[in-house]
Protein backbone atom coordinates (compact mmCIF):
# COMPACT_ATOMS: atom_id res chain seq x y z
CA UNK A 1 103.63 97.35 86.46
CA UNK A 2 106.21 99.75 87.76
CA UNK A 3 105.50 101.89 90.76
CA UNK A 4 106.62 105.35 91.74
CA UNK A 5 105.95 107.19 94.95
CA UNK A 6 105.28 110.75 95.97
CA UNK A 7 105.36 111.60 99.65
CA UNK A 8 103.90 114.91 100.81
CA UNK A 9 103.92 115.85 104.47
CA UNK A 10 102.50 118.92 106.23
CA UNK A 11 103.66 120.04 109.68
CA UNK A 12 100.26 120.03 111.40
CA UNK A 13 97.98 117.10 110.83
CA UNK A 14 95.12 115.37 112.55
CA UNK A 15 94.32 113.21 109.55
CA UNK A 16 96.62 111.05 107.44
CA UNK A 17 95.66 109.41 104.19
CA UNK A 18 97.21 106.85 101.83
CA UNK A 19 95.98 107.15 98.26
CA UNK A 20 96.98 104.97 95.34
CA UNK A 21 96.49 106.57 91.95
CA UNK A 22 96.28 104.89 88.57
CA UNK A 23 96.85 107.21 85.62
CA UNK A 24 98.35 106.82 82.21
CA UNK A 25 100.43 109.97 82.62
CA UNK A 26 103.50 109.29 84.78
CA UNK A 27 103.90 111.46 87.83
CA UNK A 28 107.37 112.69 88.82
CA UNK A 29 108.56 111.79 92.28
CA UNK A 30 108.61 114.57 94.86
CA UNK A 31 109.49 114.53 98.51
CA UNK A 32 109.25 117.10 101.27
CA UNK A 33 110.34 117.16 104.88
CA UNK A 34 108.97 114.61 107.31
CA UNK A 35 106.20 115.28 109.78
CA UNK A 36 105.56 113.37 113.00
CA UNK A 37 102.86 110.74 112.59
CA UNK A 38 101.12 108.92 115.40
CA UNK A 39 102.91 105.65 116.00
CA UNK A 40 100.77 102.54 116.05
CA UNK A 41 101.74 99.70 118.34
CA UNK A 42 101.82 96.01 117.67
CA UNK A 43 102.38 93.88 120.74
CA UNK A 44 103.72 90.35 120.51
CA UNK A 45 101.24 87.96 122.07
CA UNK A 46 103.78 85.28 122.79
CA UNK A 47 107.08 86.93 123.65
CA UNK A 48 108.56 83.63 124.79
CA UNK A 49 108.89 82.62 121.14
CA UNK A 50 111.69 85.09 120.48
CA UNK A 51 115.08 83.58 119.73
CA UNK A 52 117.18 82.45 122.68
CA UNK A 53 120.92 82.50 122.29
CA UNK A 54 121.34 78.78 122.83
CA UNK A 55 118.18 77.43 121.19
CA UNK A 56 119.83 76.31 117.98
CA UNK A 57 122.87 74.91 119.81
CA UNK A 58 120.72 72.78 122.11
CA UNK A 59 118.77 71.14 119.31
CA UNK A 60 120.73 69.39 116.60
CA UNK A 61 117.62 68.50 114.61
CA UNK A 62 117.00 72.09 113.50
CA UNK A 63 119.24 73.84 110.99
CA UNK A 64 120.95 76.92 112.41
CA UNK A 65 120.09 80.14 110.57
CA UNK A 66 121.30 83.71 111.01
CA UNK A 67 119.06 85.63 113.39
CA UNK A 68 117.09 88.60 112.04
CA UNK A 69 118.68 92.02 112.23
CA UNK A 70 117.46 94.15 115.11
CA UNK A 71 117.65 97.92 115.40
CA UNK A 72 120.53 97.68 117.88
CA UNK A 73 122.55 95.54 115.47
CA UNK A 74 122.19 97.81 112.46
CA UNK A 75 125.16 99.95 113.44
CA UNK A 76 127.46 96.92 113.56
CA UNK A 77 126.35 95.27 110.31
CA UNK A 78 128.15 95.74 107.03
CA UNK A 79 127.02 94.80 103.52
CA UNK A 80 129.56 92.72 101.62
CA UNK A 81 128.26 94.02 98.30
CA UNK A 82 128.43 90.61 96.59
CA UNK A 83 124.86 90.71 95.26
CA UNK A 84 121.65 92.63 95.76
CA UNK A 85 120.65 92.51 99.42
CA UNK A 86 116.92 92.68 100.15
CA UNK A 87 115.51 93.11 103.66
CA UNK A 88 112.28 91.51 104.81
CA UNK A 89 110.53 91.17 108.16
CA UNK A 90 110.54 87.76 109.81
CA UNK A 91 112.72 84.66 109.95
CA UNK A 92 113.67 82.10 107.30
CA UNK A 93 110.59 80.58 105.72
CA UNK A 94 108.37 83.65 106.13
CA UNK A 95 106.08 84.65 103.30
CA UNK A 96 107.96 87.94 103.14
CA UNK A 97 111.13 86.05 102.27
CA UNK A 98 109.29 84.39 99.37
CA UNK A 99 108.10 87.82 98.22
CA UNK A 100 111.66 89.20 98.33
CA UNK A 101 112.92 86.28 96.25
CA UNK A 102 110.03 86.69 93.80
CA UNK A 103 110.87 90.37 93.36
CA UNK A 104 114.61 89.68 93.01
CA UNK A 105 115.22 85.99 92.22
CA UNK A 106 119.00 86.14 92.67
CA UNK A 107 119.05 88.36 95.75
CA UNK A 108 120.47 87.79 99.21
CA UNK A 109 117.36 87.94 101.41
CA UNK A 110 118.18 89.54 104.78
CA UNK A 111 115.77 88.85 107.69
CA UNK A 112 114.88 91.69 110.08
CA UNK A 113 113.11 91.31 113.41
CA UNK A 114 110.71 94.24 112.89
CA UNK A 115 109.36 96.36 110.04
CA UNK A 116 111.26 99.35 111.50
CA UNK A 117 114.54 97.46 111.23
CA UNK A 118 113.97 96.77 107.53
CA UNK A 119 113.36 100.48 106.86
CA UNK A 120 116.50 101.42 108.80
CA UNK A 121 118.61 98.80 107.06
CA UNK A 122 117.88 100.43 103.69
CA UNK A 123 118.49 103.95 105.00
CA UNK A 124 121.84 102.95 106.52
CA UNK A 125 123.03 101.31 103.27
CA UNK A 126 123.16 97.86 104.88
CA UNK A 127 120.81 96.50 102.23
CA UNK A 128 119.77 97.69 98.79
CA UNK A 129 116.02 97.15 98.98
CA UNK A 130 113.25 96.23 101.40
CA UNK A 131 110.20 94.17 100.46
CA UNK A 132 107.41 94.70 102.98
CA UNK A 133 103.67 93.84 103.03
CA UNK A 134 101.21 96.67 102.63
CA UNK A 135 97.85 94.89 102.26
CA UNK A 136 96.22 91.48 102.11
CA UNK A 137 93.14 90.64 100.06
CA UNK A 138 91.46 89.14 103.14
CA UNK A 139 93.07 90.86 106.12
CA UNK A 140 93.20 94.38 104.70
CA UNK A 141 95.89 97.03 105.10
CA UNK A 142 99.08 96.68 107.14
CA UNK A 143 98.69 99.87 109.18
CA UNK A 144 102.16 99.81 110.67
CA UNK A 145 103.86 100.11 107.30
CA UNK A 146 101.70 103.07 106.31
CA UNK A 147 102.97 104.85 109.41
CA UNK A 148 106.57 103.93 108.60
CA UNK A 149 106.27 105.27 105.06
CA UNK A 150 105.64 108.68 106.64
CA UNK A 151 108.44 108.35 109.18
CA UNK A 152 111.18 107.25 106.79
CA UNK A 153 112.60 108.82 103.63
CA UNK A 154 112.33 105.80 101.34
CA UNK A 155 110.73 105.53 97.92
CA UNK A 156 108.38 102.94 96.48
CA UNK A 157 110.06 101.58 93.34
CA UNK A 158 107.87 98.55 92.65
CA UNK A 159 105.44 96.04 94.03
CA UNK A 160 105.01 92.28 94.04
CA UNK A 161 101.94 90.15 94.75
CA UNK A 162 102.27 86.80 96.46
CA UNK A 163 99.59 84.12 96.68
CA UNK A 164 99.49 82.90 100.28
CA UNK A 165 98.96 79.16 100.73
CA UNK A 166 98.81 78.14 104.38
CA UNK A 167 99.78 74.68 105.61
CA UNK A 168 99.21 72.98 108.95
CA UNK A 169 102.62 71.81 110.18
CA UNK A 170 103.68 69.51 113.02
CA UNK A 171 106.66 67.44 114.09
CA UNK A 172 107.16 64.06 112.42
CA UNK A 173 105.17 61.33 114.12
CA UNK A 174 102.48 63.74 115.30
CA UNK A 175 99.01 63.07 113.89
CA UNK A 176 96.18 65.53 113.41
CA UNK A 177 94.23 64.05 116.34
CA UNK A 178 97.25 64.61 118.64
CA UNK A 179 97.05 68.39 118.27
CA UNK A 180 95.22 70.61 120.74
CA UNK A 181 96.49 74.06 119.73
CA UNK A 182 98.10 75.85 116.81
CA UNK A 183 100.50 78.81 116.61
CA UNK A 184 100.78 81.43 113.88
CA UNK A 185 100.55 85.11 112.98
CA UNK A 186 97.14 86.64 113.88
CA UNK A 187 96.24 87.24 110.24
CA UNK A 188 97.15 83.68 109.25
CA UNK A 189 94.97 82.31 112.06
CA UNK A 190 92.08 84.53 110.95
CA UNK A 191 92.48 83.41 107.34
CA UNK A 192 92.17 79.75 108.42
CA UNK A 193 89.48 80.25 111.07
CA UNK A 194 86.86 77.90 109.61
CA UNK A 195 89.32 75.07 109.03
CA UNK A 196 90.89 75.36 112.47
CA UNK A 197 87.45 75.48 114.11
CA UNK A 198 86.38 72.29 112.37
CA UNK A 199 89.55 70.54 113.56
CA UNK A 200 88.92 71.86 117.08
CA UNK A 201 92.25 73.57 117.72
CA UNK A 202 92.79 76.47 120.09
CA UNK A 203 94.76 79.33 118.58
CA UNK A 204 97.72 81.27 119.93
CA UNK A 205 99.13 84.30 118.08
CA UNK A 206 102.83 84.95 117.53
CA UNK A 207 104.84 87.52 115.56
CA UNK A 208 105.42 85.49 112.42
CA UNK A 209 104.23 82.32 110.68
CA UNK A 210 107.77 80.99 110.21
CA UNK A 211 108.60 81.83 113.83
CA UNK A 212 105.70 79.61 114.88
CA UNK A 213 107.09 76.74 112.79
CA UNK A 214 110.56 77.25 114.25
CA UNK A 215 109.22 77.23 117.81
CA UNK A 216 107.29 73.97 117.27
CA UNK A 217 110.40 72.33 115.81
CA UNK A 218 112.88 73.63 118.39
CA UNK A 219 110.81 72.49 121.35
CA UNK A 220 109.69 69.22 119.71
CA UNK A 221 106.08 69.93 120.65
CA UNK A 222 103.72 66.98 120.30
CA UNK A 223 100.40 68.71 120.97
CA UNK A 224 101.03 71.92 119.03
CA UNK A 225 101.08 72.67 115.32
CA UNK A 226 101.86 75.76 113.26
CA UNK A 227 100.19 77.50 110.35
CA UNK A 228 102.96 78.46 107.96
CA UNK A 229 104.30 77.95 104.44
CA UNK A 230 105.51 74.71 102.88
CA UNK A 231 109.00 76.21 102.66
CA UNK A 232 108.97 76.72 106.44
CA UNK A 233 108.21 73.00 106.79
CA UNK A 234 111.32 72.15 104.76
CA UNK A 235 113.56 74.60 106.58
CA UNK A 236 112.58 73.49 110.09
CA UNK A 237 112.06 69.81 109.37
CA UNK A 238 108.30 69.66 109.99
CA UNK A 239 105.64 67.44 108.47
CA UNK A 240 102.76 68.92 106.45
CA UNK A 241 99.50 67.58 107.88
CA UNK A 242 97.25 69.62 105.59
CA UNK A 243 97.79 71.98 102.66
CA UNK A 244 95.85 75.03 101.48
CA UNK A 245 93.89 75.34 104.70
CA UNK A 246 92.97 79.02 104.15
CA UNK A 247 89.22 79.61 104.06
CA UNK A 248 89.41 81.61 100.83
CA UNK A 249 91.55 80.43 97.94
CA UNK A 250 91.91 84.04 96.72
CA UNK A 251 94.41 84.99 99.41
CA UNK A 252 96.97 87.43 98.04
CA UNK A 253 99.35 89.80 99.83
CA UNK A 254 100.71 92.87 98.07
CA UNK A 255 104.27 93.89 98.97
CA UNK A 256 106.00 97.21 98.33
CA UNK A 257 109.59 97.38 97.15
CA UNK A 258 111.41 100.24 98.88
CA UNK A 259 114.70 101.90 97.96
CA UNK A 260 116.75 104.95 98.91
CA UNK A 261 116.45 106.55 95.46
CA UNK A 262 113.24 107.01 93.45
CA UNK A 263 112.74 105.77 89.91
CA UNK A 264 111.90 108.17 87.11
CA UNK A 265 108.69 107.04 85.40
CA UNK A 266 109.00 106.41 81.68
CA UNK A 267 106.47 107.08 78.95
CA UNK A 268 106.26 103.57 77.49
CA UNK A 269 104.00 102.06 80.15
CA UNK A 270 101.39 103.39 82.60
CA UNK A 271 102.70 103.87 86.13
CA UNK A 272 101.00 103.55 89.48
CA UNK A 273 101.68 106.45 91.83
CA UNK A 274 101.32 106.25 95.61
CA UNK A 275 100.73 109.47 97.53
CA UNK A 276 100.89 109.89 101.29
CA UNK A 277 99.67 113.20 102.66
CA UNK A 278 98.10 114.80 105.72
CA UNK A 279 95.27 117.28 106.17
CA UNK A 280 94.55 119.92 108.75
CA UNK A 281 91.36 119.64 110.77
CA UNK A 282 88.21 121.09 109.29
CA UNK A 283 84.81 120.21 107.85
CA UNK A 284 84.92 118.71 104.38
CA UNK A 285 88.72 118.56 104.08
CA UNK A 286 88.66 114.91 103.06
CA UNK A 287 86.00 115.57 100.42
CA UNK A 288 88.02 118.47 99.03
CA UNK A 289 91.18 116.34 98.87
CA UNK A 290 89.51 113.53 96.96
CA UNK A 291 87.65 115.96 94.69
CA UNK A 292 91.02 117.11 93.33
CA UNK A 293 91.39 113.71 91.65
CA UNK A 294 87.79 113.35 90.53
CA UNK A 295 87.70 116.78 88.83
CA UNK A 296 90.79 115.83 86.81
CA UNK A 297 89.43 112.43 85.76
CA UNK A 298 92.14 110.60 87.71
CA UNK A 299 91.13 107.09 88.75
CA UNK A 300 91.92 106.00 92.29
CA UNK A 301 92.48 102.26 92.56
CA UNK A 302 92.67 102.41 96.36
CA UNK A 303 92.26 105.04 99.05
CA UNK A 304 93.35 104.19 102.58
CA UNK A 305 92.43 106.84 105.14
CA UNK A 306 93.19 106.93 108.83
CA UNK A 307 93.34 109.62 111.45
CA UNK A 308 91.80 111.26 114.50
CA UNK A 309 88.45 112.95 114.36
CA UNK A 310 86.92 115.33 116.88
CA UNK A 311 83.22 115.18 117.67
CA UNK A 312 81.26 118.15 116.29
CA UNK A 313 80.64 120.91 118.81
CA UNK A 314 77.19 121.14 120.29
CA UNK A 315 75.30 124.39 119.78
C-alpha cells in the first residue's frame, strides 16, 4: 500500500501528536513551516563499542566495511549517482539494512551512524531515500523518529514491514555454556528476555544489533555473545548458536520510506495518510482534534500522542 504524508506544524505547542489515517479517498500532501519540537535523547549504554580507526586493520579475520556516515561527514560526501542510494541507521548487517534492501532490492544501502544523519543525508542530496523504523509490534513506537519527522522537511512516500528473527551469535569454537553475557540493542534484548533468562546470560545494551555482532567478532570474545540477524553472522564471521530466540514469533518492525519530494496519491488504490500536528494547551483539545476524524467517518489505524501536560489548577 502506498503512503503519503501531510505535515502540519503550529508555532506554539505543548502537545504533539502522530496520527495515521486510513481512508479510501486520497489526501493531497501539504506542508507548512517547521516548529521547534522537544528533542528526545537516546544515550549509548556502551560507548566503547563505537568504531576505532584501527579496529579493522588490526584484525584480519573481520571483513572491512565502510563506516557509517556521521553528521560531520555529510558535507564531504558526494553521491556517485550510479544507482538509487538508500540511507539507513546502523552498520552492515543491521535489520534496517535488510529493510532498505526489501524496499529497493537493487539499491546501494548507505549506513548512517544516527537517525539524524539519515535525515540529513536525504536533505543534502547525498542519498535518494531513507528507510527508518517507526514502530515495532512488540517494542512500540520509535519516539526519536517521530521527533525528527517534525524537525526535517522530508515526506513519507512508502512503508515496508520486516519480520525480525533474532539469533544468538558467538565466535567459532565458543559453546553456549561458555557464554556469561550478551550484547545487543535494548529492544532486541527485551524481545528475547525469556530465552536469555533461561540461558542465564547477563545483558548489556549497545546502539545496534549488528554493532554488537561486530564488537564480539573484532575482539574475539569468548565469554560474550550477540543478539543479531543471521546476515550479521555471515558478515562478521560468527557462529549461530540459536535461531529465532525472540519470545514472540510475531515480531515485526514497520519502516517509513522518506524522500525529499512527496508523491501524489492516485485514485486506483486506497492510500494511507500520516499527519503530524501540534495543539495549543487547553482542556479537551485532544478530544476536539480526534473528533474531527470521527465526525467525518474517517478510520484511524493508529494514533500516537506525546507531549507535556500541566496539572489542573487547584481552586
